[in-house]
Amino acid sequence: VIAGFAVMGMLTYYRILAKENVSTEPSMTGK
């Protein structure tokens, strides 16, 4: 559960970045 939720949460974050064409800044990743 820990590994699965973590990887799905990270992948969701990267899909949103790609869809909205937003630059990946460390501060945004941390948020």
All heavy atoms as atom14 arrays in JSON, in Angstrom:
{
  "sequence": "VIAGFAVMGMLTYYRILAKENVSTEPSMTGK",
  "atom14_mask": [
    [1, 1, 1, 1, 1, 1, 1, 0, 0, 0, 0, 0, 0, 0],
    [1, 1, 1, 1, 1, 1, 1, 1, 0, 0, 0, 0, 0, 0],
    [1, 1, 1, 1, 1, 0, 0, 0, 0, 0, 0, 0, 0, 0],
    [1, 1, 1, 1, 0, 0, 0, 0, 0, 0, 0, 0, 0, 0],
    [1, 1, 1, 1, 1, 1, 1, 1, 1, 1, 1, 0, 0, 0],
    [1, 1, 1, 1, 1, 0, 0, 0, 0, 0, 0, 0, 0, 0],
    [1, 1, 1, 1, 1, 1, 1, 0, 0, 0, 0, 0, 0, 0],
    [1, 1, 1, 1, 1, 1, 1, 1, 0, 0, 0, 0, 0, 0],
    [1, 1, 1, 1, 0, 0, 0, 0, 0, 0, 0, 0, 0, 0],
    [1, 1, 1, 1, 1, 1, 1, 1, 0, 0, 0, 0, 0, 0],
    [1, 1, 1, 1, 1, 1, 1, 1, 0, 0, 0, 0, 0, 0],
    [1, 1, 1, 1, 1, 1, 1, 0, 0, 0, 0, 0, 0, 0],
    [1, 1, 1, 1, 1, 1, 1, 1, 1, 1, 1, 1, 0, 0],
    [1, 1, 1, 1, 1, 1, 1, 1, 1, 1, 1, 1, 0, 0],
    [1, 1, 1, 1, 1, 1, 1, 1, 1, 1, 1, 0, 0, 0],
    [1, 1, 1, 1, 1, 1, 1, 1, 0, 0, 0, 0, 0, 0],
    [1, 1, 1, 1, 1, 1, 1, 1, 0, 0, 0, 0, 0, 0],
    [1, 1, 1, 1, 1, 0, 0, 0, 0, 0, 0, 0, 0, 0],
    [1, 1, 1, 1, 1, 1, 1, 1, 1, 0, 0, 0, 0, 0],
    [1, 1, 1, 1, 1, 1, 1, 1, 1, 0, 0, 0, 0, 0],
    [1, 1, 1, 1, 1, 1, 1, 1, 0, 0, 0, 0, 0, 0],
    [1, 1, 1, 1, 1, 1, 1, 0, 0, 0, 0, 0, 0, 0],
    [1, 1, 1, 1, 1, 1, 0, 0, 0, 0, 0, 0, 0, 0],
    [1, 1, 1, 1, 1, 1, 1, 0, 0, 0, 0, 0, 0, 0],
    [1, 1, 1, 1, 1, 1, 1, 1, 1, 0, 0, 0, 0, 0],
    [1, 1, 1, 1, 1, 1, 1, 0, 0, 0, 0, 0, 0, 0],
    [1, 1, 1, 1, 1, 1, 0, 0, 0, 0, 0, 0, 0, 0],
    [1, 1, 1, 1, 1, 1, 1, 1, 0, 0, 0, 0, 0, 0],
    [1, 1, 1, 1, 1, 1, 1, 0, 0, 0, 0, 0, 0, 0],
    [1, 1, 1, 1, 0, 0, 0, 0, 0, 0, 0, 0, 0, 0],
    [1, 1, 1, 1, 1, 1, 1, 1, 1, 0, 0, 0, 0, 0]
  ],
  "atom14_positions": [
    [[0.84, -1.21, 0.0], [0.0, 0.0, 0.0], [0.87, 1.26, 0.0], [0.61, 2.21, -0.75], [-0.95, -0.02, 1.21], [-1.6, 1.35, 1.4], [-2.01, -1.09, 1.03], [0.0, 0.0, 0.0], [0.0, 0.0, 0.0], [0.0, 0.0, 0.0], [0.0, 0.0, 0.0], [0.0, 0.0, 0.0], [0.0, 0.0, 0.0], [0.0, 0.0, 0.0]],
    [[1.91, 1.27, 0.82], [2.79, 2.44, 0.86], [3.45, 2.66, -0.49], [3.43, 3.77, -1.05], [3.85, 2.26, 1.97], [3.19, 2.29, 3.35], [4.91, 3.36, 1.88], [4.14, 2.0, 4.49], [0.0, 0.0, 0.0], [0.0, 0.0, 0.0], [0.0, 0.0, 0.0], [0.0, 0.0, 0.0], [0.0, 0.0, 0.0], [0.0, 0.0, 0.0]],
    [[4.07, 1.61, -1.04], [4.77, 1.76, -2.32], [3.8, 2.09, -3.45], [4.09, 2.95, -4.3], [5.52, 0.47, -2.64], [0.0, 0.0, 0.0], [0.0, 0.0, 0.0], [0.0, 0.0, 0.0], [0.0, 0.0, 0.0], [0.0, 0.0, 0.0], [0.0, 0.0, 0.0], [0.0, 0.0, 0.0], [0.0, 0.0, 0.0], [0.0, 0.0, 0.0]],
    [[2.63, 1.43, -3.47], [1.67, 1.67, -4.55], [1.09, 3.07, -4.52], [1.02, 3.74, -5.56], [0.0, 0.0, 0.0], [0.0, 0.0, 0.0], [0.0, 0.0, 0.0], [0.0, 0.0, 0.0], [0.0, 0.0, 0.0], [0.0, 0.0, 0.0], [0.0, 0.0, 0.0], [0.0, 0.0, 0.0], [0.0, 0.0, 0.0], [0.0, 0.0, 0.0]],
    [[0.66, 3.54, -3.35], [0.12, 4.89, -3.26], [1.18, 5.94, -3.6], [0.88, 6.96, -4.24], [-0.44, 5.15, -1.86], [-1.8, 4.52, -1.64], [-2.41, 3.77, -2.64], [-2.47, 4.68, -0.44], [-3.64, 3.2, -2.44], [-3.72, 4.11, -0.25], [-4.3, 3.37, -1.24], [0.0, 0.0, 0.0], [0.0, 0.0, 0.0], [0.0, 0.0, 0.0]],
    [[2.4, 5.69, -3.16], [3.47, 6.65, -3.43], [3.74, 6.76, -4.92], [3.83, 7.86, -5.47], [4.74, 6.24, -2.68], [0.0, 0.0, 0.0], [0.0, 0.0, 0.0], [0.0, 0.0, 0.0], [0.0, 0.0, 0.0], [0.0, 0.0, 0.0], [0.0, 0.0, 0.0], [0.0, 0.0, 0.0], [0.0, 0.0, 0.0], [0.0, 0.0, 0.0]],
    [[3.89, 5.63, -5.6], [4.21, 5.68, -7.02], [3.04, 6.24, -7.82], [3.23, 7.0, -8.78], [4.63, 4.28, -7.52], [3.46, 3.32, -7.59], [5.29, 4.38, -8.88], [0.0, 0.0, 0.0], [0.0, 0.0, 0.0], [0.0, 0.0, 0.0], [0.0, 0.0, 0.0], [0.0, 0.0, 0.0], [0.0, 0.0, 0.0], [0.0, 0.0, 0.0]],
    [[1.78, 5.9, -7.45], [0.63, 6.45, -8.18], [0.5, 7.95, -7.94], [0.15, 8.71, -8.85], [-0.64, 5.73, -7.75], [-0.76, 4.32, -8.3], [-2.42, 3.62, -8.13], [-2.61, 3.63, -6.36], [0.0, 0.0, 0.0], [0.0, 0.0, 0.0], [0.0, 0.0, 0.0], [0.0, 0.0, 0.0], [0.0, 0.0, 0.0], [0.0, 0.0, 0.0]],
    [[0.8, 8.41, -6.71], [0.76, 9.85, -6.44], [1.78, 10.61, -7.25], [1.49, 11.68, -7.81], [0.0, 0.0, 0.0], [0.0, 0.0, 0.0], [0.0, 0.0, 0.0], [0.0, 0.0, 0.0], [0.0, 0.0, 0.0], [0.0, 0.0, 0.0], [0.0, 0.0, 0.0], [0.0, 0.0, 0.0], [0.0, 0.0, 0.0], [0.0, 0.0, 0.0]],
    [[3.0, 10.07, -7.34], [4.05, 10.73, -8.12], [3.72, 10.74, -9.61], [3.92, 11.75, -10.29], [5.39, 10.03, -7.88], [5.9, 10.15, -6.45], [7.42, 9.24, -6.17], [8.56, 10.18, -7.21], [0.0, 0.0, 0.0], [0.0, 0.0, 0.0], [0.0, 0.0, 0.0], [0.0, 0.0, 0.0], [0.0, 0.0, 0.0], [0.0, 0.0, 0.0]],
    [[3.21, 9.64, -10.12], [2.86, 9.58, -11.54], [1.72, 10.54, -11.86], [1.7, 11.16, -12.94], [2.47, 8.16, -11.93], [3.62, 7.13, -11.96], [3.08, 5.75, -12.27], [4.67, 7.54, -12.99], [0.0, 0.0, 0.0], [0.0, 0.0, 0.0], [0.0, 0.0, 0.0], [0.0, 0.0, 0.0], [0.0, 0.0, 0.0], [0.0, 0.0, 0.0]],
    [[0.75, 10.67, -10.95], [-0.33, 11.63, -11.16], [0.22, 13.05, -11.24], [-0.2, 13.86, -12.09], [-1.35, 11.53, -10.01], [-1.88, 10.2, -9.95], [-2.5, 12.51, -10.22], [0.0, 0.0, 0.0], [0.0, 0.0, 0.0], [0.0, 0.0, 0.0], [0.0, 0.0, 0.0], [0.0, 0.0, 0.0], [0.0, 0.0, 0.0], [0.0, 0.0, 0.0]],
    [[1.19, 13.36, -10.39], [1.82, 14.68, -10.41], [2.5, 14.95, -11.74], [2.33, 16.02, -12.35], [2.84, 14.76, -9.26], [3.74, 15.96, -9.31], [3.24, 17.23, -9.08], [5.1, 15.81, -9.57], [4.07, 18.33, -9.11], [5.94, 16.9, -9.61], [5.43, 18.16, -9.38], [6.26, 19.26, -9.42], [0.0, 0.0, 0.0], [0.0, 0.0, 0.0]],
    [[3.23, 13.97, -12.25], [3.93, 14.16, -13.52], [2.97, 14.22, -14.7], [3.23, 14.93, -15.69], [4.96, 13.06, -13.72], [6.18, 13.24, -12.85], [6.49, 12.32, -11.86], [7.01, 14.35, -13.0], [7.59, 12.49, -11.04], [8.12, 14.53, -12.18], [8.4, 13.59, -11.2], [9.5, 13.78, -10.39], [0.0, 0.0, 0.0], [0.0, 0.0, 0.0]],
    [[1.84, 13.51, -14.64], [0.85, 13.61, -15.72], [0.23, 14.99, -15.75], [-0.02, 15.56, -16.82], [-0.24, 12.54, -15.53], [0.2, 11.13, -15.84], [-1.0, 10.23, -16.14], [-1.97, 10.25, -15.06], [-1.94, 9.44, -14.01], [-0.98, 8.55, -13.89], [-2.87, 9.51, -13.07], [0.0, 0.0, 0.0], [0.0, 0.0, 0.0], [0.0, 0.0, 0.0]],
    [[-0.02, 15.57, -14.58], [-0.59, 16.93, -14.53], [0.4, 17.94, -15.11], [0.01, 18.84, -15.86], [-0.96, 17.29, -13.07], [-2.12, 16.41, -12.59], [-1.32, 18.75, -12.96], [-2.46, 16.6, -11.13], [0.0, 0.0, 0.0], [0.0, 0.0, 0.0], [0.0, 0.0, 0.0], [0.0, 0.0, 0.0], [0.0, 0.0, 0.0], [0.0, 0.0, 0.0]],
    [[1.67, 17.79, -14.76], [2.68, 18.7, -15.3], [2.73, 18.62, -16.82], [2.82, 19.64, -17.52], [4.05, 18.37, -14.71], [4.25, 18.64, -13.21], [5.66, 18.28, -12.81], [3.95, 20.09, -12.86], [0.0, 0.0, 0.0], [0.0, 0.0, 0.0], [0.0, 0.0, 0.0], [0.0, 0.0, 0.0], [0.0, 0.0, 0.0], [0.0, 0.0, 0.0]],
    [[2.68, 17.39, -17.35], [2.76, 17.24, -18.8], [1.51, 17.77, -19.49], [1.58, 18.39, -20.55], [2.96, 15.76, -19.16], [0.0, 0.0, 0.0], [0.0, 0.0, 0.0], [0.0, 0.0, 0.0], [0.0, 0.0, 0.0], [0.0, 0.0, 0.0], [0.0, 0.0, 0.0], [0.0, 0.0, 0.0], [0.0, 0.0, 0.0], [0.0, 0.0, 0.0]],
    [[0.34, 17.57, -18.87], [-0.91, 18.01, -19.48], [-1.01, 19.53, -19.49], [-1.49, 20.13, -20.47], [-2.08, 17.4, -18.72], [-3.44, 17.74, -19.3], [-4.55, 17.05, -18.53], [-5.91, 17.4, -19.11], [-7.01, 16.73, -18.37], [0.0, 0.0, 0.0], [0.0, 0.0, 0.0], [0.0, 0.0, 0.0], [0.0, 0.0, 0.0], [0.0, 0.0, 0.0]],
    [[-0.6, 20.16, -18.38], [-0.72, 21.62, -18.26], [0.51, 22.36, -18.77], [0.54, 23.59, -18.75], [-0.97, 21.99, -16.8], [-2.2, 21.34, -16.19], [-3.48, 21.78, -16.89], [-3.48, 22.89, -17.47], [-4.47, 21.02, -16.85], [0.0, 0.0, 0.0], [0.0, 0.0, 0.0], [0.0, 0.0, 0.0], [0.0, 0.0, 0.0], [0.0, 0.0, 0.0]],
    [[1.55, 21.57, -19.16], [2.78, 22.17, -19.68], [3.39, 23.16, -18.69], [3.72, 24.3, -19.01], [2.5, 22.88, -21.02], [3.78, 23.14, -21.78], [4.8, 22.49, -21.54], [3.73, 24.1, -22.7], [0.0, 0.0, 0.0], [0.0, 0.0, 0.0], [0.0, 0.0, 0.0], [0.0, 0.0, 0.0], [0.0, 0.0, 0.0], [0.0, 0.0, 0.0]],
    [[3.5, 22.66, -17.43], [4.04, 23.48, -16.35], [5.48, 23.06, -16.1], [5.81, 21.87, -16.13], [3.2, 23.32, -15.07], [3.77, 24.16, -13.94], [1.76, 23.71, -15.35], [0.0, 0.0, 0.0], [0.0, 0.0, 0.0], [0.0, 0.0, 0.0], [0.0, 0.0, 0.0], [0.0, 0.0, 0.0], [0.0, 0.0, 0.0], [0.0, 0.0, 0.0]],
    [[6.34, 24.03, -15.83], [7.74, 23.71, -15.55], [7.85, 23.07, -14.16], [7.12, 23.42, -13.24], [8.59, 24.98, -15.6], [8.15, 25.9, -14.63], [0.0, 0.0, 0.0], [0.0, 0.0, 0.0], [0.0, 0.0, 0.0], [0.0, 0.0, 0.0], [0.0, 0.0, 0.0], [0.0, 0.0, 0.0], [0.0, 0.0, 0.0], [0.0, 0.0, 0.0]],
    [[8.78, 22.12, -14.02], [8.97, 21.41, -12.76], [9.98, 22.13, -11.9], [11.19, 22.1, -12.16], [9.45, 19.97, -13.03], [10.65, 20.03, -13.79], [8.41, 19.19, -13.81], [0.0, 0.0, 0.0], [0.0, 0.0, 0.0], [0.0, 0.0, 0.0], [0.0, 0.0, 0.0], [0.0, 0.0, 0.0], [0.0, 0.0, 0.0], [0.0, 0.0, 0.0]],
    [[9.52, 22.83, -10.91], [10.4, 23.5, -9.97], [10.44, 22.71, -8.67], [9.44, 22.12, -8.26], [9.89, 24.91, -9.7], [9.86, 25.8, -10.94], [9.33, 27.19, -10.62], [8.98, 27.41, -9.44], [9.25, 28.01, -11.54], [0.0, 0.0, 0.0], [0.0, 0.0, 0.0], [0.0, 0.0, 0.0], [0.0, 0.0, 0.0], [0.0, 0.0, 0.0]],
    [[11.58, 22.69, -7.99], [11.69, 21.92, -6.75], [10.65, 22.33, -5.71], [10.13, 21.49, -4.98], [13.11, 22.22, -6.28], [13.85, 22.57, -7.54], [12.86, 23.27, -8.41], [0.0, 0.0, 0.0], [0.0, 0.0, 0.0], [0.0, 0.0, 0.0], [0.0, 0.0, 0.0], [0.0, 0.0, 0.0], [0.0, 0.0, 0.0], [0.0, 0.0, 0.0]],
    [[10.33, 23.61, -5.66], [9.36, 24.07, -4.67], [7.97, 23.5, -4.95], [7.24, 23.11, -4.03], [9.3, 25.6, -4.66], [8.93, 26.09, -5.95], [0.0, 0.0, 0.0], [0.0, 0.0, 0.0], [0.0, 0.0, 0.0], [0.0, 0.0, 0.0], [0.0, 0.0, 0.0], [0.0, 0.0, 0.0], [0.0, 0.0, 0.0], [0.0, 0.0, 0.0]],
    [[7.6, 23.46, -6.24], [6.29, 22.9, -6.6], [6.25, 21.4, -6.31], [5.23, 20.88, -5.83], [6.0, 23.17, -8.08], [4.64, 22.66, -8.53], [4.28, 23.1, -10.23], [4.17, 24.88, -10.1], [0.0, 0.0, 0.0], [0.0, 0.0, 0.0], [0.0, 0.0, 0.0], [0.0, 0.0, 0.0], [0.0, 0.0, 0.0], [0.0, 0.0, 0.0]],
    [[7.34, 20.72, -6.6], [7.4, 19.27, -6.32], [7.22, 19.01, -4.83], [6.51, 18.1, -4.41], [8.73, 18.69, -6.81], [8.88, 18.96, -8.21], [8.78, 17.19, -6.57], [0.0, 0.0, 0.0], [0.0, 0.0, 0.0], [0.0, 0.0, 0.0], [0.0, 0.0, 0.0], [0.0, 0.0, 0.0], [0.0, 0.0, 0.0], [0.0, 0.0, 0.0]],
    [[7.86, 19.84, -4.02], [7.73, 19.68, -2.57], [6.32, 19.91, -2.1], [5.82, 19.21, -1.2], [0.0, 0.0, 0.0], [0.0, 0.0, 0.0], [0.0, 0.0, 0.0], [0.0, 0.0, 0.0], [0.0, 0.0, 0.0], [0.0, 0.0, 0.0], [0.0, 0.0, 0.0], [0.0, 0.0, 0.0], [0.0, 0.0, 0.0], [0.0, 0.0, 0.0]],
    [[5.64, 20.91, -2.68], [4.26, 21.19, -2.29], [3.33, 20.01, -2.6], [2.32, 19.81, -1.94], [3.76, 22.44, -3.0], [4.42, 23.72, -2.53], [3.88, 24.92, -3.29], [4.54, 26.22, -2.82], [4.05, 27.39, -3.57], [0.0, 0.0, 0.0], [0.0, 0.0, 0.0], [0.0, 0.0, 0.0], [0.0, 0.0, 0.0], [0.0, 0.0, 0.0]]
  ]
}
